[in-house]
């Protein structure tokens, strides 16, 4: 099978699946990951950045948040459910830890309260930022040939797309404050240290996070490396959500070539309800093709008779999403 112009392109390093809640993003991302690991020589990492994780349910295997899991029965397939709270604790320890905060409690030190407030505040989208920062650790180490993101519903995904710009400025201000107060805190801190040569690398860690976020923006905008796959259903509200998401993808220069239309009713004889739903979807599918058919690869996926979960069912769904074995008249 020729992969060029398909959903899985040989040059792609990052796939992001996003759309309205409940349209099948996780199943779509998971089946693409399973298909790639079994049909190519790529090592694949699928990452859930959705705080309400369902990746482990989709794969049918329990996963520990924050721990990369290998699925050897699928070849080089790995999975990760990110814990934003855990990552936020790590970053807060970098911001506030190592500065002698506890030792200096009760002392009247200028701007100490200001730094403490900064360390504990949550800038817009920080949970998504922590998740994305963790993913970048794997990307920077080049351990995986393909990283697939199972993103949160549309609103959270839009926040994720805006994060490089928002957080770059936020962390930049933090770095400025840390530099301004560095010598002062160093002098105070040394009063409580036995080891005078101990290094405080908090500034370097914060700087690295800022650089990682900025690098993410470049990676996401590179059409040779990144592709965003919109997942939707043939309903009016889903079309509105798709328009909103697509508009933001264009604004943030995120490459998008494929739109998956999921849960399309098959033709079933002697089922008036099924026939009604199919006619309803056919009307909306016509509108979807008029909107997107010329510019994007619209992939239609049928509604299955049972829930898509575990590897065998994911393989079945992949035959439609990745291989395109379906048409909806």
Protein backbone atom coordinates (compact mmCIF):
# COMPACT_ATOMS: atom_id res chain seq x y z
CA UNK A 1 0.00 0.00 0.00
CA UNK A 2 1.31 3.48 -0.88
CA UNK A 3 1.48 5.62 2.25
CA UNK A 4 2.07 8.96 0.57
CA UNK A 5 -0.94 11.26 0.93
CA UNK A 6 -2.42 8.84 3.42
CA UNK A 7 -2.95 9.59 7.09
CA UNK A 8 0.37 7.92 8.00
CA UNK A 9 3.06 9.59 5.90
CA UNK A 10 6.64 8.28 6.13
CA UNK A 11 8.05 11.74 6.91
CA UNK A 12 5.57 12.60 9.66
CA UNK A 13 6.91 12.69 13.21
CA UNK A 14 3.89 14.13 15.04
CA UNK A 15 0.19 13.36 14.63
CA UNK A 16 -2.39 15.23 16.70
CA UNK A 17 -5.98 14.03 16.89
CA UNK A 18 -8.55 16.58 18.06
CA UNK A 19 -12.20 17.54 17.88
CA UNK A 20 -15.43 17.76 19.82
CA UNK A 21 -15.84 15.55 22.89
CA UNK A 22 -17.28 12.10 22.23
CA UNK A 23 -16.51 11.88 18.52
CA UNK A 24 -13.90 9.11 18.83
CA UNK A 25 -10.57 10.96 19.05
CA UNK A 26 -8.96 8.43 21.35
CA UNK A 27 -10.07 5.43 19.28
CA UNK A 28 -8.84 7.16 16.11
CA UNK A 29 -5.46 7.99 17.64
CA UNK A 30 -5.09 4.52 19.16
CA UNK A 31 -5.93 2.67 15.95
CA UNK A 32 -3.46 4.82 13.99
CA UNK A 33 -0.77 4.00 16.55
CA UNK A 34 -1.50 0.26 16.46
CA UNK A 35 -1.56 0.21 12.64
CA UNK A 36 1.74 2.09 12.34
CA UNK A 37 3.54 -0.10 14.89
CA UNK A 38 2.37 -3.28 13.12
CA UNK A 39 2.73 -2.20 9.48
CA UNK A 40 5.88 -0.06 9.45
CA UNK A 41 9.29 -0.18 11.08
CA UNK A 42 8.52 2.95 13.13
CA UNK A 43 8.64 3.07 16.91
CA UNK A 44 5.42 4.76 18.02
CA UNK A 45 4.55 6.65 21.21
CA UNK A 46 0.88 7.47 21.77
CA UNK A 47 0.32 10.14 24.40
CA UNK A 48 -2.90 11.20 26.09
CA UNK A 49 -2.87 14.91 26.97
CA UNK A 50 -6.52 14.78 28.05
CA UNK A 51 -6.87 15.09 31.87
CA UNK A 52 -9.86 12.73 31.61
CA UNK A 53 -7.79 9.85 30.29
CA UNK A 54 -9.43 7.13 28.21
CA UNK A 55 -6.36 5.80 26.39
CA UNK A 56 -5.90 2.86 28.75
CA UNK A 57 -9.57 1.98 28.29
CA UNK A 58 -9.23 2.15 24.52
CA UNK A 59 -6.14 -0.07 24.49
CA UNK A 60 -7.71 -2.36 27.08
CA UNK A 61 -4.60 -2.30 29.28
CA UNK A 62 -4.22 -0.55 32.67
CA UNK A 63 -1.66 2.26 32.55
CA UNK A 64 0.04 4.16 35.35
CA UNK A 65 -0.15 7.94 34.75
CA UNK A 66 3.24 9.44 33.94
CA UNK A 67 4.86 6.08 33.11
CA UNK A 68 5.67 4.97 29.54
CA UNK A 69 4.30 1.50 28.87
CA UNK A 70 5.53 -0.86 26.16
CA UNK A 71 3.09 -3.14 24.31
CA UNK A 72 5.45 -5.83 22.94
CA UNK A 73 2.63 -7.82 21.33
CA UNK A 74 2.19 -4.86 18.94
CA UNK A 75 5.89 -4.40 18.25
CA UNK A 76 7.42 -1.00 18.98
CA UNK A 77 4.27 0.57 20.41
CA UNK A 78 4.47 2.64 23.59
CA UNK A 79 1.80 4.52 25.51
CA UNK A 80 1.77 7.36 28.04
CA UNK A 81 -1.00 9.02 30.02
CA UNK A 82 0.30 12.32 31.36
CA UNK A 83 -0.52 13.51 34.86
CA UNK A 84 -0.69 17.36 34.72
CA UNK A 85 -0.86 17.62 38.52
CA UNK A 86 2.36 15.65 38.91
CA UNK A 87 4.12 17.81 36.33
CA UNK A 88 2.88 21.00 38.02
CA UNK A 89 4.35 19.84 41.31
CA UNK A 90 7.70 19.29 39.57
CA UNK A 91 7.67 22.80 38.08
CA UNK A 92 6.57 24.42 41.34
CA UNK A 93 9.44 22.70 43.11
CA UNK A 94 11.78 24.24 40.54
CA UNK A 95 10.26 27.69 41.04
CA UNK A 96 9.93 27.70 44.80
CA UNK A 97 12.17 24.86 45.91
CA UNK A 98 15.87 25.37 46.49
CA UNK A 99 15.41 29.03 47.48
CA UNK A 100 15.25 28.59 51.20
CA UNK A 101 11.54 29.42 51.38
CA UNK A 102 10.80 27.23 54.38
CA UNK A 103 13.93 28.31 56.25
CA UNK A 104 13.06 31.99 55.77
CA UNK A 105 9.44 31.71 56.89
CA UNK A 106 8.45 34.64 59.07
CA UNK A 107 11.36 36.84 57.95
CA UNK A 108 10.45 40.24 56.48
CA UNK A 109 12.24 39.89 53.13
CA UNK A 110 11.36 42.28 50.29
CA UNK A 111 9.54 40.60 47.36
CA UNK A 112 9.64 37.14 48.97
CA UNK A 113 5.85 37.07 48.95
CA UNK A 114 5.84 38.10 45.30
CA UNK A 115 8.05 35.16 44.30
CA UNK A 116 6.01 32.76 46.41
CA UNK A 117 2.81 33.88 44.70
CA UNK A 118 4.43 33.47 41.30
CA UNK A 119 5.58 29.96 42.16
CA UNK A 120 2.09 28.84 43.14
CA UNK A 121 -0.01 30.52 40.45
CA UNK A 122 -1.39 28.64 37.47
CA UNK A 123 -1.11 30.57 34.21
CA UNK A 124 -3.77 29.88 31.57
CA UNK A 125 -3.42 26.36 30.20
CA UNK A 126 -0.66 25.27 32.57
CA UNK A 127 -1.99 21.70 32.75
CA UNK A 128 -1.70 21.36 28.96
CA UNK A 129 1.72 23.03 29.08
CA UNK A 130 3.05 20.57 31.63
CA UNK A 131 1.75 17.70 29.52
CA UNK A 132 3.30 19.11 26.37
CA UNK A 133 6.59 19.79 28.14
CA UNK A 134 6.79 16.16 29.20
CA UNK A 135 6.18 14.97 25.65
CA UNK A 136 9.00 17.21 24.42
CA UNK A 137 11.44 15.32 26.62
CA UNK A 138 10.81 12.23 24.47
CA UNK A 139 10.91 14.24 21.25
CA UNK A 140 14.22 15.89 22.11
CA UNK A 141 15.81 12.54 22.88
CA UNK A 142 14.59 11.16 19.52
CA UNK A 143 13.58 7.87 21.11
CA UNK A 144 10.49 7.48 18.93
CA UNK A 145 9.94 7.80 15.19
CA UNK A 146 6.32 8.89 15.55
CA UNK A 147 4.55 10.62 18.45
CA UNK A 148 0.74 10.57 18.36
CA UNK A 149 -1.16 13.00 20.59
CA UNK A 150 -4.65 12.15 21.80
CA UNK A 151 -5.76 15.68 22.72
CA UNK A 152 -8.53 16.92 24.98
CA UNK A 153 -11.84 18.25 23.53
CA UNK A 154 -11.74 21.30 21.28
CA UNK A 155 -11.62 24.05 23.92
CA UNK A 156 -8.64 22.52 25.70
CA UNK A 157 -6.91 21.82 22.41
CA UNK A 158 -7.22 25.48 21.41
CA UNK A 159 -5.57 26.43 24.70
CA UNK A 160 -2.80 23.96 23.95
CA UNK A 161 -2.19 25.54 20.55
CA UNK A 162 -1.88 29.00 22.11
CA UNK A 163 0.44 27.86 24.89
CA UNK A 164 3.84 28.34 23.25
CA UNK A 165 3.15 32.07 22.98
CA UNK A 166 1.40 32.44 26.36
CA UNK A 167 3.83 30.38 28.38
CA UNK A 168 6.92 31.70 26.70
CA UNK A 169 5.99 35.15 28.01
CA UNK A 170 4.99 33.83 31.44
CA UNK A 171 8.18 31.84 31.95
CA UNK A 172 10.20 34.75 30.55
CA UNK A 173 8.84 36.97 33.33
CA UNK A 174 9.65 34.27 35.85
CA UNK A 175 13.23 34.11 34.56
CA UNK A 176 13.59 37.88 34.83
CA UNK A 177 12.39 37.81 38.43
CA UNK A 178 14.63 34.87 39.24
CA UNK A 179 17.65 36.69 37.80
CA UNK A 180 16.77 39.88 39.68
CA UNK A 181 16.53 38.11 42.99
CA UNK A 182 19.20 35.48 42.36
CA UNK A 183 22.04 37.10 44.25
CA UNK A 184 19.80 38.11 47.12
CA UNK A 185 18.41 34.60 47.57
CA UNK A 186 21.86 33.11 47.12
CA UNK A 187 23.21 35.13 50.02
CA UNK A 188 20.27 34.22 52.29
CA UNK A 189 20.37 30.59 51.23
CA UNK A 190 24.05 30.24 52.10
CA UNK A 191 23.24 31.17 55.68
CA UNK A 192 21.38 27.87 56.00
CA UNK A 193 23.60 25.60 53.90
CA UNK A 194 26.39 23.44 55.15
CA UNK A 195 27.66 22.82 51.65
CA UNK A 196 28.63 26.23 50.24
CA UNK A 197 29.43 24.74 46.83
CA UNK A 198 25.94 23.35 46.20
CA UNK A 199 24.66 24.59 42.83
CA UNK A 200 21.20 26.10 42.31
CA UNK A 201 20.17 25.06 38.80
CA UNK A 202 16.56 26.22 39.03
CA UNK A 203 17.16 29.04 36.53
CA UNK A 204 18.61 26.62 33.98
CA UNK A 205 15.63 24.29 34.39
CA UNK A 206 13.16 27.13 33.88
CA UNK A 207 15.14 28.34 30.87
CA UNK A 208 15.11 24.83 29.39
CA UNK A 209 11.32 24.64 29.77
CA UNK A 210 10.93 27.96 27.95
CA UNK A 211 13.18 26.79 25.12
CA UNK A 212 11.27 23.51 24.86
CA UNK A 213 7.95 25.33 24.53
CA UNK A 214 9.35 27.62 21.85
CA UNK A 215 10.78 24.61 20.00
CA UNK A 216 7.37 22.97 20.13
CA UNK A 217 5.87 25.84 18.16
CA UNK A 218 8.42 25.34 15.38
CA UNK A 219 7.79 21.60 15.30
CA UNK A 220 4.02 22.02 15.15
CA UNK A 221 4.24 24.47 12.25
CA UNK A 222 6.46 22.21 10.12
CA UNK A 223 4.24 20.46 7.53
CA UNK A 224 7.00 17.94 6.86
CA UNK A 225 6.87 16.75 10.48
CA UNK A 226 3.39 17.51 11.82
CA UNK A 227 -0.19 16.76 10.83
CA UNK A 228 -3.35 17.54 12.79
CA UNK A 229 -6.25 15.15 12.17
CA UNK A 230 -9.69 16.56 12.95
CA UNK A 231 -12.19 13.95 14.13
CA UNK A 232 -15.90 14.79 13.86
CA UNK A 233 -19.34 13.27 13.39
CA UNK A 234 -21.98 14.18 10.81
CA UNK A 235 -24.00 16.50 13.03
CA UNK A 236 -24.54 20.26 12.93
CA UNK A 237 -22.88 21.02 16.28
CA UNK A 238 -19.83 18.98 15.29
CA UNK A 239 -19.56 20.98 12.07
CA UNK A 240 -19.55 24.23 14.08
CA UNK A 241 -16.85 22.85 16.40
CA UNK A 242 -14.80 21.75 13.39
CA UNK A 243 -15.04 25.22 11.83
CA UNK A 244 -13.83 26.75 15.11
CA UNK A 245 -10.96 24.30 15.43
CA UNK A 246 -9.92 24.59 11.80
CA UNK A 247 -9.90 28.38 12.05
CA UNK A 248 -7.52 28.19 15.01
CA UNK A 249 -5.30 25.63 13.28
CA UNK A 250 -4.93 28.04 10.37
CA UNK A 251 -4.24 30.94 12.77
CA UNK A 252 -1.48 28.99 14.52
CA UNK A 253 -0.07 27.62 11.23
CA UNK A 254 -0.72 24.00 12.22
CA UNK A 255 -0.77 21.72 9.14
CA UNK A 256 -4.03 19.83 8.65
CA UNK A 257 -4.81 17.58 5.68
CA UNK A 258 -7.25 14.97 6.99
CA UNK A 259 -10.73 15.09 8.49
CA UNK A 260 -12.20 11.90 9.92
CA UNK A 261 -16.02 11.70 9.92
CA UNK A 262 -16.82 8.98 12.44
CA UNK A 263 -19.87 6.92 13.49
CA UNK A 264 -21.67 6.88 10.13
CA UNK A 265 -24.73 4.62 10.13
CA UNK A 266 -24.59 1.63 7.78
CA UNK A 267 -27.51 0.74 5.58
CA UNK A 268 -29.70 -1.65 7.56
CA UNK A 269 -32.84 -3.19 6.08
CA UNK A 270 -36.04 -3.16 8.19
CA UNK A 271 -34.80 -0.52 10.64
CA UNK A 272 -36.73 2.75 10.35
CA UNK A 273 -34.63 4.43 13.05
CA UNK A 274 -31.38 3.46 11.29
CA UNK A 275 -32.73 4.70 7.97
CA UNK A 276 -33.73 8.02 9.56
CA UNK A 277 -30.29 8.48 11.12
CA UNK A 278 -28.58 7.57 7.88
CA UNK A 279 -30.63 10.14 5.94
CA UNK A 280 -29.86 12.73 8.60
CA UNK A 281 -26.14 11.98 8.36
CA UNK A 282 -26.22 11.91 4.55
CA UNK A 283 -27.54 15.48 4.55
CA UNK A 284 -24.76 16.67 6.86
CA UNK A 285 -22.13 14.63 5.00
CA UNK A 286 -23.07 16.50 1.83
CA UNK A 287 -22.43 19.78 3.65
CA UNK A 288 -19.12 18.48 5.01
CA UNK A 289 -17.95 17.52 1.53
CA UNK A 290 -18.97 20.92 0.16
CA UNK A 291 -16.99 22.64 2.92
CA UNK A 292 -13.91 20.43 3.02
CA UNK A 293 -13.96 17.91 0.18
CA UNK A 294 -11.74 19.84 -2.22
CA UNK A 295 -9.09 20.97 0.25
CA UNK A 296 -8.91 18.05 2.69
CA UNK A 297 -8.90 14.28 2.62
CA UNK A 298 -12.27 13.43 4.19
CA UNK A 299 -12.18 9.92 5.67
CA UNK A 300 -15.51 8.27 6.47
CA UNK A 301 -15.73 5.66 9.24
CA UNK A 302 -18.83 3.55 9.95
CA UNK A 303 -20.58 3.15 13.27
CA UNK A 304 -19.57 -0.25 14.62
CA UNK A 305 -21.94 -2.67 16.29
CA UNK A 306 -19.85 -2.64 19.45
CA UNK A 307 -17.40 -0.41 21.28
CA UNK A 308 -13.99 -0.01 19.69
CA UNK A 309 -11.47 -1.06 22.32
CA UNK A 310 -8.58 -3.52 22.62
CA UNK A 311 -6.18 -4.30 19.82
CA UNK A 312 -8.37 -6.48 17.60
CA UNK A 313 -11.13 -3.88 17.37
CA UNK A 314 -8.59 -1.09 16.89
CA UNK A 315 -7.14 -3.00 13.94
CA UNK A 316 -10.63 -3.15 12.48
CA UNK A 317 -11.12 0.60 12.83
CA UNK A 318 -7.64 1.24 11.36
CA UNK A 319 -8.69 -0.46 8.13
CA UNK A 320 -11.07 2.45 7.65
CA UNK A 321 -9.14 5.39 9.13
CA UNK A 322 -5.66 4.56 7.87
CA UNK A 323 -6.38 2.43 4.80
CA UNK A 324 -9.54 4.27 3.74
CA UNK A 325 -11.69 1.18 3.19
CA UNK A 326 -15.06 2.92 3.43
CA UNK A 327 -17.34 5.20 1.45
CA UNK A 328 -20.55 6.82 2.59
CA UNK A 329 -22.97 7.64 -0.25
